[in-house]
Amino acid sequence: MSGRKYYVVGGEYADTAFTHPAEGAKIETHGPMTEREAHDLWRKLTGQTVDNAMVRYVVESREEAQPIYVVGGEYADTGFDRLAPGQAIEVLGPFTAHDALAQWRAKTASTVDSCLHRYDLVSADELDRFTTRVAAV
């Protein structure tokens, strides 16, 4: 299962706006699973609770979170396509998107006075292409 993940989410709610769980109830999350498995489980759960208007389940589709890396370093010039002589590409991570952004901010703040330092955020899929491109030039 890659790419999209499917979850069945729901339970008993406080009212038919379905925004808050009923007192003492917890919202359930089942998954990840395939789309077919999620719809099969949704049918089963809604069939078991069809007589209670306060119970609701939905199928949610979520993009699989891909790790993010912070990459960069000191470059030879402001074209940022080759590293300065004797420098190696820095690869930090993997991180969640939130943590990667925090790391990127910290790294760029520590090199703010150098116009030859640059850091980028790249996905795991992009990491090899990025490091190969910079090393090959």
Protein backbone atom coordinates (compact mmCIF):
# COMPACT_ATOMS: atom_id res chain seq x y z
CA MET A 1 0.00 0.00 0.00
CA SER A 2 1.71 3.17 -1.12
CA GLY A 3 0.49 6.59 -2.11
CA ARG A 4 -2.97 7.03 -0.64
CA LYS A 5 -4.07 5.38 2.58
CA TYR A 6 -7.69 4.90 3.60
CA TYR A 7 -9.20 5.09 7.07
CA VAL A 8 -12.66 4.58 8.50
CA VAL A 9 -13.31 7.27 11.09
CA GLY A 10 -16.34 7.78 13.29
CA GLY A 11 -18.37 6.69 16.23
CA GLU A 12 -21.09 8.15 18.38
CA TYR A 13 -21.43 11.93 18.29
CA ALA A 14 -23.04 14.46 20.63
CA ASP A 15 -25.38 15.77 17.92
CA THR A 16 -26.12 15.37 14.23
CA ALA A 17 -23.59 18.04 13.28
CA PHE A 18 -21.06 15.24 13.92
CA THR A 19 -18.37 17.58 15.21
CA HIS A 20 -17.89 16.38 18.80
CA PRO A 21 -18.01 12.86 20.24
CA ALA A 22 -20.79 11.95 22.62
CA GLU A 23 -19.98 12.24 26.30
CA GLY A 24 -17.71 9.34 27.23
CA ALA A 25 -17.31 8.24 23.60
CA LYS A 26 -14.13 8.30 21.56
CA ILE A 27 -13.91 8.75 17.82
CA GLU A 28 -12.51 5.57 16.29
CA THR A 29 -9.93 5.48 13.53
CA HIS A 30 -9.47 2.20 11.66
CA GLY A 31 -6.62 1.84 9.18
CA PRO A 32 -4.57 2.34 7.17
CA MET A 33 -6.05 0.01 4.58
CA THR A 34 -6.83 -0.24 0.91
CA GLU A 35 -9.77 1.67 -0.49
CA ARG A 36 -11.79 -1.53 -0.93
CA GLU A 37 -11.07 -2.67 2.64
CA ALA A 38 -12.09 0.76 3.97
CA HIS A 39 -15.42 0.72 2.12
CA ASP A 40 -16.11 -2.86 3.22
CA LEU A 41 -15.47 -1.93 6.87
CA TRP A 42 -17.56 1.25 6.48
CA ARG A 43 -20.52 -0.83 5.21
CA LYS A 44 -20.15 -3.27 8.11
CA LEU A 45 -19.97 -0.53 10.79
CA THR A 46 -22.82 1.55 9.36
CA GLY A 47 -24.94 -1.59 8.99
CA GLN A 48 -24.42 -2.41 12.68
CA THR A 49 -25.38 1.11 13.79
CA VAL A 50 -28.08 2.00 11.24
CA ASP A 51 -30.70 2.51 13.98
CA ASN A 52 -28.69 5.17 15.84
CA ALA A 53 -28.80 8.59 14.15
CA MET A 54 -26.00 9.81 16.41
CA VAL A 55 -23.46 7.34 14.97
CA ARG A 56 -21.61 8.18 11.83
CA TYR A 57 -18.63 6.68 10.03
CA VAL A 58 -16.81 8.08 7.00
CA VAL A 59 -14.01 6.87 4.76
CA GLU A 60 -11.08 9.27 4.70
CA SER A 61 -8.37 9.23 2.08
CA ARG A 62 -5.00 10.54 3.17
CA GLU A 63 -1.81 11.01 1.26
CA GLU A 64 0.97 8.90 2.68
CA ALA A 65 3.33 11.21 4.49
CA GLN A 66 6.72 11.17 2.84
CA PRO A 67 9.83 12.04 4.83
CA ILE A 68 11.42 15.40 4.10
CA TYR A 69 15.14 16.19 4.13
CA VAL A 70 17.00 19.47 4.55
CA VAL A 71 19.89 19.54 2.07
CA GLY A 72 22.47 22.12 1.11
CA GLY A 73 25.65 23.72 2.26
CA GLU A 74 28.21 26.18 0.99
CA TYR A 75 28.14 26.60 -2.79
CA ALA A 76 30.83 27.86 -5.16
CA ASP A 77 28.65 30.72 -6.42
CA THR A 78 25.10 32.05 -6.31
CA GLY A 79 24.03 29.74 -9.14
CA PHE A 80 23.76 27.10 -6.38
CA ASP A 81 24.54 24.24 -8.73
CA ARG A 82 27.96 23.16 -7.40
CA LEU A 83 29.44 23.09 -3.95
CA ALA A 84 32.41 25.17 -2.88
CA PRO A 85 35.75 23.35 -3.24
CA GLY A 86 36.29 20.90 -0.39
CA GLN A 87 32.66 21.05 0.74
CA ALA A 88 30.26 18.12 0.97
CA ILE A 89 26.50 18.29 0.67
CA GLU A 90 24.79 18.34 4.06
CA VAL A 91 21.79 16.03 4.39
CA LEU A 92 19.69 16.40 7.52
CA GLY A 93 16.73 14.15 8.20
CA PRO A 94 14.49 12.42 7.55
CA PHE A 95 11.88 14.62 9.20
CA THR A 96 8.15 15.12 9.16
CA ALA A 97 7.15 18.15 7.10
CA HIS A 98 6.68 20.22 10.26
CA ASP A 99 10.06 19.25 11.74
CA ALA A 100 11.83 19.69 8.40
CA LEU A 101 10.60 23.27 8.16
CA ALA A 102 11.86 23.97 11.70
CA GLN A 103 15.27 22.47 10.85
CA TRP A 104 15.43 24.44 7.60
CA ARG A 105 14.66 27.68 9.45
CA ALA A 106 17.36 26.96 12.03
CA LYS A 107 19.94 26.09 9.37
CA THR A 108 19.20 29.13 7.21
CA ALA A 109 19.21 31.40 10.26
CA SER A 110 22.67 30.15 11.24
CA THR A 111 24.04 30.97 7.75
CA VAL A 112 22.06 34.15 7.03
CA ASP A 113 25.26 36.22 6.67
CA SER A 114 26.63 34.02 3.87
CA CYS A 115 25.21 34.54 0.39
CA LEU A 116 26.88 31.27 -0.68
CA HIS A 117 25.00 29.05 1.75
CA ARG A 118 21.69 27.60 0.69
CA TYR A 119 19.41 24.88 2.05
CA ASP A 120 16.44 23.26 0.37
CA LEU A 121 13.63 20.96 1.47
CA VAL A 122 13.37 17.80 -0.63
CA SER A 123 11.27 14.66 -0.43
CA ALA A 124 12.78 11.19 -0.21
CA ASP A 125 12.02 10.75 -3.92
CA GLU A 126 13.96 13.92 -4.78
CA LEU A 127 16.91 13.33 -2.44
CA ASP A 128 19.04 11.15 -4.75
CA ARG A 129 18.44 13.41 -7.78
CA PHE A 130 19.33 16.51 -5.77
CA THR A 131 22.54 15.13 -4.25
CA THR A 132 23.61 13.57 -7.57
CA ARG A 133 23.00 16.84 -9.46
CA VAL A 134 25.00 18.91 -7.03
CA ALA A 135 27.85 16.35 -6.80
CA ALA A 136 28.04 15.87 -10.60
CA VAL A 137 28.68 19.49 -11.48
